[in-house]
Protein backbone atom coordinates (compact mmCIF):
# COMPACT_ATOMS: atom_id res chain seq x y z
CA MET A 1 75.48 41.81 -209.98
CA ASP A 2 77.67 41.16 -207.00
CA PRO A 3 76.81 37.64 -205.67
CA LEU A 4 77.41 39.01 -201.86
CA VAL A 5 74.31 41.91 -202.58
CA VAL A 6 72.18 39.11 -204.51
CA GLY A 7 72.57 37.04 -201.22
CA ILE A 8 71.84 39.78 -198.88
CA VAL A 9 68.51 40.80 -200.57
CA ALA A 10 67.35 37.27 -200.82
CA GLY A 11 68.06 36.90 -197.35
CA LEU A 12 65.92 40.01 -196.42
CA LEU A 13 63.23 39.01 -198.59
CA GLY A 14 63.20 35.42 -197.08
CA LEU A 15 63.08 36.91 -193.64
CA SER A 16 60.28 39.45 -194.59
CA PHE A 17 58.14 36.57 -195.84
CA GLY A 18 58.88 34.31 -192.93
CA ALA A 19 57.87 37.24 -190.36
CA PHE A 20 54.60 38.00 -192.51
CA GLY A 21 53.75 34.05 -192.34
CA VAL A 22 54.20 34.34 -188.43
CA LEU A 23 51.86 37.00 -188.32
CA ALA A 24 49.14 35.60 -190.78
CA PHE A 25 49.10 32.56 -188.75
CA ARG A 26 48.60 34.13 -185.39
CA ALA A 27 46.10 36.14 -186.95
CA SER A 28 44.19 32.94 -188.32
CA GLU A 29 44.62 31.06 -184.90
CA ARG A 30 42.87 34.16 -183.47
CA GLN A 31 40.26 33.84 -185.75
CA ARG A 32 39.80 30.40 -185.70
CA ALA A 33 39.35 30.37 -181.63
CA LEU A 34 36.68 32.96 -181.93
CA LEU A 35 34.65 30.96 -184.53
CA GLU A 36 35.40 27.38 -183.12
CA GLY A 37 36.08 27.81 -179.59
CA ALA A 38 33.61 27.69 -176.69
CA PRO A 39 30.80 30.27 -178.20
CA GLY A 40 31.01 33.35 -176.30
CA GLU A 41 33.87 33.38 -174.13
CA ALA A 42 35.30 36.44 -175.21
CA THR A 43 32.28 38.51 -174.14
CA PHE A 44 30.32 36.09 -171.66
CA PRO A 45 29.98 38.22 -168.36
CA GLU A 46 32.69 37.20 -166.02
CA GLY A 47 30.88 34.87 -163.30
CA ALA A 48 27.38 34.65 -164.96
CA ALA A 49 27.84 30.88 -165.16
CA ASP A 50 28.14 30.44 -161.58
CA VAL A 51 25.34 32.91 -160.66
CA LEU A 52 23.33 30.74 -163.37
CA ALA A 53 24.11 27.46 -161.75
CA VAL A 54 22.77 28.42 -157.93
CA LEU A 55 19.38 30.46 -159.30
CA GLY A 56 17.21 27.17 -159.04
CA LYS A 57 15.45 27.68 -162.13
CA ALA A 58 15.86 26.36 -165.59
CA PHE A 59 17.76 28.47 -167.91
CA VAL A 60 18.69 28.51 -171.57
CA VAL A 61 21.19 30.94 -173.25
CA VAL A 62 21.47 31.41 -176.66
CA ASP A 63 23.83 33.23 -179.26
CA ALA A 64 23.03 35.58 -182.19
CA ILE A 65 21.39 32.84 -184.49
CA ASP A 66 19.34 30.97 -181.24
CA SER A 67 21.89 28.12 -180.88
CA VAL A 68 22.06 27.05 -177.29
CA VAL A 69 25.19 27.83 -175.75
CA ARG A 70 24.56 26.87 -172.23
CA ALA A 71 21.32 25.04 -170.73
CA SER A 72 20.90 23.97 -167.41
CA PRO A 73 19.62 19.90 -166.79
CA ALA A 74 16.15 21.19 -166.06
CA ALA A 75 15.64 22.72 -169.13
CA TYR A 76 16.49 19.64 -171.06
CA ALA A 77 13.96 18.02 -168.43
CA TYR A 78 11.10 20.43 -169.06
CA GLY A 79 11.37 19.67 -172.73
CA LEU A 80 12.49 23.30 -173.70
CA VAL A 81 15.98 22.41 -175.18
CA ARG A 82 16.73 19.59 -177.17
CA GLY A 83 20.60 19.18 -178.44
CA HIS A 84 21.66 22.56 -179.10
CA THR A 85 18.04 23.66 -180.23
CA VAL A 86 15.30 25.57 -178.51
CA VAL A 87 12.14 23.43 -178.99
CA HIS A 88 9.17 26.05 -178.71
CA ARG A 89 8.30 28.96 -181.42
CA GLU A 90 7.07 30.63 -178.45
CA LEU A 91 10.48 30.94 -176.82
CA LEU A 92 12.30 31.84 -180.14
CA THR A 93 9.77 34.76 -180.62
CA MET A 94 10.69 36.10 -177.17
CA THR A 95 14.52 35.97 -178.15
CA ALA A 96 14.00 37.83 -181.32
CA LYS A 97 11.99 40.56 -179.53
CA VAL A 98 14.60 40.94 -176.89
CA ARG A 99 17.51 41.09 -179.67
CA GLY A 100 15.39 43.62 -181.48
CA ASN A 101 14.44 46.13 -178.62
CA GLY A 102 16.74 44.99 -175.83
CA VAL A 103 13.78 44.99 -173.36
CA VAL A 104 13.34 42.69 -170.93
CA ILE A 105 10.06 40.16 -171.49
CA GLU A 106 8.30 37.90 -169.23
CA LYS A 107 5.15 35.56 -170.27
CA GLN A 108 3.72 32.21 -169.27
CA PHE A 109 3.17 29.59 -171.26
CA GLU A 110 1.41 26.13 -171.17
CA LEU A 111 3.90 24.17 -173.44
CA PRO A 112 4.01 20.34 -174.35
CA ARG A 113 6.31 18.34 -172.23
CA GLY A 114 7.62 16.28 -174.98
CA PRO A 115 7.23 15.18 -178.62
CA LEU A 116 4.56 12.47 -177.78
CA GLY A 117 1.85 12.36 -175.75
CA GLN A 118 -0.77 14.82 -174.19
CA GLY A 119 1.21 16.00 -171.19
CA THR A 120 2.07 19.57 -170.70
CA ILE A 121 3.96 22.00 -168.65
CA ILE A 122 3.08 25.21 -167.10
CA VAL A 123 6.01 27.95 -167.25
CA ASN A 124 6.95 31.58 -166.53
CA VAL A 125 9.60 32.36 -168.93
CA ARG A 126 11.75 35.86 -168.53
CA ALA A 127 13.90 36.85 -171.55
CA ALA A 128 16.94 39.31 -171.36
CA MET A 129 20.19 40.41 -172.60
CA LEU A 130 23.04 38.79 -171.35
CA GLY A 131 26.37 40.75 -172.42
CA GLU A 132 26.29 41.95 -175.82
CA GLU A 133 25.53 39.23 -178.04
CA TYR A 134 23.76 36.30 -175.63
CA ILE A 135 19.94 36.28 -174.43
CA LEU A 136 19.27 34.20 -171.28
CA LEU A 137 15.81 32.39 -170.71
CA LEU A 138 14.91 31.74 -167.14
CA ALA A 139 12.21 29.52 -166.85
CA ASP A 140 10.12 28.73 -163.70
CA ASP A 141 7.69 25.44 -163.30
CA ARG A 142 4.14 26.73 -162.43
CA THR A 143 2.35 23.60 -163.37
CA GLU A 144 1.35 22.44 -159.77
CA ILE A 145 0.62 25.99 -158.42
CA THR A 146 -1.57 26.73 -161.50
CA ARG A 147 -3.31 23.89 -161.03
CA THR A 148 -3.83 24.48 -157.41
CA GLU A 149 -5.33 27.82 -158.17
CA ARG A 150 -7.48 26.10 -160.68
CA ILE A 151 -8.64 23.62 -158.07
CA ARG A 152 -9.34 26.36 -155.55
CA ASN A 153 -11.44 28.48 -158.17
CA ASP A 154 -13.51 25.66 -159.30
CA PHE A 155 -14.03 24.54 -155.67
CA VAL A 156 -15.21 28.20 -154.79
CA ALA A 157 -17.57 27.97 -157.70
CA ASN A 158 -18.96 24.59 -156.89
CA VAL A 159 -19.46 25.46 -153.02
CA SER A 160 -21.44 28.70 -154.36
CA HIS A 161 -23.73 26.62 -156.50
CA GLU A 162 -24.10 23.83 -153.74
CA LEU A 163 -24.87 26.15 -151.11
CA LYS A 164 -27.43 28.39 -153.42
CA THR A 165 -29.64 25.15 -153.39
CA PRO A 166 -30.57 24.41 -150.06
CA VAL A 167 -30.67 28.26 -149.33
CA GLY A 168 -32.90 28.91 -152.28
CA ALA A 169 -35.40 25.84 -151.11
CA ILE A 170 -35.41 26.92 -147.60
CA SER A 171 -36.41 30.63 -148.65
CA LEU A 172 -39.18 28.98 -151.07
CA LEU A 173 -40.54 27.17 -148.20
CA ALA A 174 -40.56 30.02 -145.82
CA GLU A 175 -42.75 31.76 -148.51
CA ALA A 176 -44.99 28.89 -148.60
CA LEU A 177 -45.37 28.53 -144.95
CA GLU A 178 -46.13 32.33 -144.61
CA ALA A 179 -48.85 32.06 -147.67
CA SER A 180 -50.65 28.95 -146.16
CA PRO A 181 -50.85 29.76 -142.15
CA ASP A 182 -54.10 27.96 -141.33
CA ASP A 183 -53.30 24.83 -143.34
CA GLU A 184 -51.82 22.39 -140.77
CA ASP A 185 -51.22 19.60 -143.27
CA ALA A 186 -49.17 22.09 -145.56
CA VAL A 187 -47.43 23.66 -142.58
CA ARG A 188 -46.46 20.18 -141.28
CA ARG A 189 -45.13 19.16 -144.76
CA PHE A 190 -43.18 22.48 -145.57
CA ALA A 191 -41.73 22.31 -141.78
CA GLN A 192 -40.46 18.76 -142.59
CA ARG A 193 -39.01 19.91 -146.07
CA MET A 194 -37.37 23.08 -144.54
CA HIS A 195 -35.68 20.79 -141.98
CA LYS A 196 -34.30 18.44 -144.42
CA GLU A 197 -32.74 21.14 -146.37
CA SER A 198 -31.40 22.81 -143.31
CA THR A 199 -30.10 19.44 -142.18
CA ARG A 200 -28.40 19.29 -146.00
CA LEU A 201 -26.85 22.69 -145.44
CA ALA A 202 -25.48 22.00 -142.05
CA ALA A 203 -23.94 18.95 -143.21
CA LEU A 204 -22.47 20.93 -146.76
CA VAL A 205 -20.90 23.74 -144.38
CA GLN A 206 -19.66 21.13 -141.94
CA ASP A 207 -17.61 19.14 -144.48
CA ILE A 208 -16.25 22.75 -145.94
CA ILE A 209 -15.39 23.26 -142.56
CA GLU A 210 -13.50 20.10 -142.33
CA LEU A 211 -11.85 20.31 -145.56
CA SER A 212 -9.95 23.74 -144.66
CA ARG A 213 -9.18 21.95 -141.36
CA LEU A 214 -7.23 19.45 -143.46
CA GLN A 215 -5.37 21.86 -145.42
CA ALA A 216 -4.17 23.64 -142.16
CA ALA A 217 -3.66 20.17 -140.31
CA ASP A 218 0.21 19.58 -139.35
CA ILE A 219 -0.02 15.46 -138.81
CA VAL A 220 4.01 15.49 -138.51
CA HIS A 221 3.97 17.84 -135.73
CA GLN A 222 0.39 17.52 -134.05
CA GLY A 223 0.08 13.79 -134.46
CA LYS A 224 0.17 10.86 -131.93
CA VAL A 225 -0.17 7.16 -131.34
CA VAL A 226 -3.52 5.98 -132.95
CA ASP A 227 -5.38 2.61 -132.26
CA VAL A 228 -7.10 1.76 -135.65
CA ASN A 229 -9.24 -0.58 -133.53
CA ASP A 230 -10.71 2.24 -131.39
CA VAL A 231 -11.01 4.51 -134.26
CA VAL A 232 -12.91 2.11 -136.49
CA ALA A 233 -15.07 1.38 -133.41
CA ASP A 234 -16.08 4.93 -132.70
CA ALA A 235 -16.71 5.69 -136.34
CA VAL A 236 -19.12 2.64 -136.40
CA ASP A 237 -20.89 4.10 -133.26
CA ARG A 238 -21.35 7.54 -134.94
CA SER A 239 -22.78 5.95 -137.87
CA ARG A 240 -25.13 3.47 -135.77
CA LEU A 241 -28.54 5.76 -135.97
CA ALA A 242 -28.29 6.29 -139.62
CA ALA A 243 -27.85 2.42 -139.89
CA GLU A 244 -30.92 1.49 -137.64
CA ALA A 245 -33.14 3.76 -139.69
CA LYS A 246 -32.26 1.68 -142.78
CA HIS A 247 -32.13 -1.66 -140.88
CA ILE A 248 -28.59 -2.32 -142.03
CA SER A 249 -26.27 -4.46 -139.95
CA VAL A 250 -22.52 -3.15 -139.52
CA VAL A 251 -20.29 -5.97 -139.00
CA VAL A 252 -16.73 -5.95 -138.16
CA GLY A 253 -14.26 -8.49 -138.47
CA GLY A 254 -10.74 -8.61 -137.70
CA ALA A 255 -8.29 -6.22 -136.00
CA SER A 256 -5.06 -4.94 -136.06
CA ALA A 257 -2.07 -5.47 -133.57
CA HIS A 258 -0.38 -2.35 -134.66
CA LYS A 259 -0.45 1.27 -134.22
CA VAL A 260 -0.49 4.08 -136.80
CA TYR A 261 0.62 7.80 -136.11
CA GLY A 262 -1.99 10.52 -136.89
CA ASP A 263 -4.77 12.47 -136.00
CA PRO A 264 -7.44 10.52 -134.35
CA ASP A 265 -10.23 12.88 -134.94
CA LEU A 266 -9.49 13.12 -138.72
CA LEU A 267 -9.11 9.01 -138.73
CA VAL A 268 -12.74 8.69 -137.50
CA ASN A 269 -14.23 11.55 -139.62
CA ALA A 270 -12.45 9.66 -142.62
CA PHE A 271 -14.02 6.13 -141.55
CA ARG A 272 -17.52 7.50 -140.31
CA ASN A 273 -17.56 9.16 -144.19
CA LEU A 274 -16.66 5.65 -145.61
CA ILE A 275 -19.45 3.98 -143.33
CA ASP A 276 -21.94 6.62 -143.96
CA ASN A 277 -21.30 6.47 -147.72
CA ALA A 278 -21.80 2.67 -147.63
CA ILE A 279 -25.17 2.91 -145.50
CA ARG A 280 -26.56 5.72 -147.76
CA TYR A 281 -26.14 3.56 -151.01
CA SER A 282 -27.29 0.13 -149.59
CA SER A 283 -30.72 -0.95 -149.55
CA GLU A 284 -32.59 -1.33 -146.48
CA ASN A 285 -32.00 -4.82 -144.61
CA THR A 286 -28.88 -5.41 -145.86
CA LYS A 287 -25.49 -5.46 -144.38
CA VAL A 288 -22.06 -3.51 -144.60
CA GLY A 289 -19.00 -5.14 -143.62
CA ILE A 290 -15.81 -3.67 -142.30
CA GLY A 291 -12.57 -5.44 -142.21
CA ILE A 292 -9.15 -4.66 -140.43
CA ARG A 293 -6.08 -6.37 -140.91
CA ASP A 294 -2.35 -6.05 -140.87
CA LYS A 295 -0.32 -6.98 -143.94
CA ASP A 296 3.12 -5.95 -145.40
CA GLY A 297 3.68 -3.27 -143.14
CA LEU A 298 0.21 -1.72 -143.49
CA VAL A 299 -2.92 -1.53 -141.31
CA SER A 300 -5.60 -2.21 -143.90
CA VAL A 301 -9.20 -1.26 -143.36
CA SER A 302 -11.85 -2.23 -146.08
CA VAL A 303 -15.70 -0.97 -145.94
CA ALA A 304 -17.86 -3.20 -148.38
CA ASP A 305 -21.70 -2.46 -149.18
CA GLN A 306 -24.18 -4.29 -151.02
CA GLY A 307 -25.32 -1.44 -153.31
CA GLU A 308 -25.54 -1.23 -156.83
CA GLY A 309 -21.82 -0.65 -157.73
CA LEU A 310 -20.18 1.81 -159.77
CA LYS A 311 -19.23 1.83 -163.28
CA GLN A 312 -15.40 1.87 -164.30
CA GLU A 313 -15.59 5.75 -165.46
CA ASP A 314 -17.29 6.76 -161.86
CA GLN A 315 -14.77 4.81 -159.83
CA GLU A 316 -11.84 6.83 -161.51
CA ARG A 317 -13.83 9.96 -160.13
CA VAL A 318 -15.64 9.11 -157.28
CA PHE A 319 -12.92 10.81 -154.94
CA GLU A 320 -13.27 14.38 -156.74
CA ARG A 321 -14.83 16.91 -154.88
CA PHE A 322 -18.62 17.66 -155.31
CA TYR A 323 -18.60 14.50 -157.75
CA ARG A 324 -21.57 12.64 -157.72
CA VAL A 325 -22.56 9.35 -159.30
CA ASP A 326 -26.19 10.07 -159.27
CA ALA A 327 -26.81 13.89 -158.10
CA ALA A 328 -30.38 13.40 -157.96
CA ARG A 329 -30.20 10.35 -155.57
CA SER A 330 -27.35 11.99 -153.69
CA ARG A 331 -29.26 15.19 -153.01
CA GLN A 332 -32.42 12.82 -152.14
CA THR A 333 -30.22 10.80 -149.71
CA GLY A 334 -28.51 13.96 -148.15
CA GLY A 335 -25.40 13.37 -149.73
CA THR A 336 -22.81 16.81 -150.18
CA GLY A 337 -20.45 15.16 -152.52
CA LEU A 338 -17.51 15.69 -150.48
CA GLY A 339 -17.29 12.95 -148.10
CA LEU A 340 -14.98 10.82 -150.21
CA SER A 341 -13.03 13.47 -151.24
CA ILE A 342 -12.18 14.39 -147.33
CA VAL A 343 -11.47 10.65 -146.83
CA LYS A 344 -8.79 10.91 -149.73
CA HIS A 345 -7.07 14.00 -148.06
CA VAL A 346 -6.92 12.48 -144.57
CA VAL A 347 -5.60 9.24 -145.96
CA GLU A 348 -3.16 10.87 -148.17
CA ASN A 349 -2.10 13.31 -144.89
CA HIS A 350 -1.37 10.36 -142.73
CA GLY A 351 0.88 8.86 -145.75
CA GLY A 352 -1.80 6.15 -146.98
CA GLU A 353 -3.81 5.47 -149.65
CA VAL A 354 -7.63 5.02 -150.48
CA THR A 355 -8.65 2.81 -153.44
CA VAL A 356 -12.02 1.32 -154.46
CA TRP A 357 -13.03 -1.91 -156.26
CA SER A 358 -16.77 -2.16 -157.54
CA GLN A 359 -18.94 -4.03 -159.71
CA LEU A 360 -22.28 -3.43 -161.01
CA GLY A 361 -24.60 -5.48 -159.00
CA LYS A 362 -21.93 -6.62 -156.43
CA GLY A 363 -21.52 -3.37 -154.47
CA SER A 364 -18.23 -1.63 -153.67
CA THR A 365 -15.50 -2.06 -151.27
CA PHE A 366 -13.30 0.91 -150.07
CA THR A 367 -9.88 0.14 -148.61
CA VAL A 368 -7.76 2.59 -146.51
CA ARG A 369 -4.05 1.51 -146.24
CA LEU A 370 -2.14 3.26 -143.57
CA PRO A 371 1.71 2.81 -142.67
CA GLN A 372 2.27 0.82 -139.13
CA MET A 373 4.24 2.44 -136.62
CA GLU A 374 7.60 1.14 -136.58
CA GLU A 375 8.66 -0.42 -132.82
CA ASP A 376 11.61 2.09 -132.22
CA GLN A 377 8.99 5.18 -132.96
CA GLY A 378 8.24 5.10 -129.38
CA ALA A 379 4.70 3.52 -130.02
CA GLU A 380 2.49 2.95 -126.98
CA SER A 381 2.87 -0.75 -125.83
CA THR A 382 0.09 -2.80 -127.45
CA GLU A 383 -2.76 -4.75 -125.72
CA PRO A 384 -2.51 -8.48 -125.72
CA ALA A 385 -2.97 -9.64 -129.44
CA GLY A 386 -6.10 -11.65 -128.56
CA ARG A 387 -7.92 -8.71 -127.18
CA ARG A 388 -10.10 -7.71 -130.17
CA GLN A 389 -10.49 -10.98 -131.77
CA GLU A 390 -14.03 -12.41 -129.93
CA GLY A 391 -16.28 -12.71 -132.95
CA ALA A 392 -13.73 -11.54 -135.25
CA ALA A 393 -12.88 -13.78 -138.41
CA ARG A 394 -10.93 -13.22 -141.33
CA PRO A 395 -11.69 -9.80 -142.84
CA PRO A 396 -13.76 -9.23 -146.01
CA GLU A 397 -12.12 -9.42 -149.10
CA GLN A 398 -12.72 -6.94 -151.59
CA GLY A 399 -15.93 -7.15 -153.25
CA ALA A 400 -17.39 -9.42 -150.51
CA ILE A 401 -19.27 -9.07 -147.22
CA ALA A 402 -18.13 -9.74 -143.85
């Protein structure tokens, strides 16, 4: 064969193989890009990532095998995603249903927040298709809202129960009075019981009104400069009759040279509840000590009694609504179970805290701490430091009586 022809044929064959190799390489590169590149870039809806970033909710995007393609930091913080995996089986069940029928699904779950501990999170999850092969999970944290709803429902149930007791008692006493109009001793005895129950009912209604007022109070915009010394003095004066009835002396020690910002009426009510509580659970012929002092930028007011004291488990729950350490005794003394709850709400609304120290046989001390007003907040000028120092010694330490 002519060598020229052989060379031409060989060249054409080499050119053909080279062109085929280039095409095969390019096809391989495209396939590799689809498999190893950013998942879903080819079909991920344009602008979807930007929209998801500004939604304000936790989101997770999964592919056809439920591998996480994108997830917000909140999704990791909520414990919904770990690495590239959706943690909870409930969410994977949702994605399977959406993948099967293409409909939007929305459910609420209470899920463990992490692999350890008992913490949970309540989330409202909405699952829907995103593009042709991805599924979007939108999660909204409903934990605090749900807990608030539960507290409100429990509160309504407790109020109904608490109101039913004195109302029922008054009804029975009225029937007893009607049945014995000629028995003067019985009429007098039943009338006294009715008066006691009506007083208790009035106190309960007043406390419920006070709680409603607290929820609507706007301390930031409606508050004013408050002198804690005057507030405590007013609270002591309102509790004087109850103290005298049990021959209990109320002693105030110390004073504050700083003002606080807030609602004076709410603060008076809070301190009156603390003092009334101390009087109620103290024996006759004892003392209730109130100490006022400034420390570390806070105005501290302590109310100490000489009562029986509280167990540790009671100390942890004593600020709950309607919680009574001794329900029978509380009803006997006229307690509503709302006083300390009101104190806690008032103090927290003023940016402070209330704590309790107690020991069986040694009484209890409730301490309220409120932030002092800074000098540049426009506070009214304080009176001389010695104005309230007459007879004032160091305030009672926790667990002691002034």
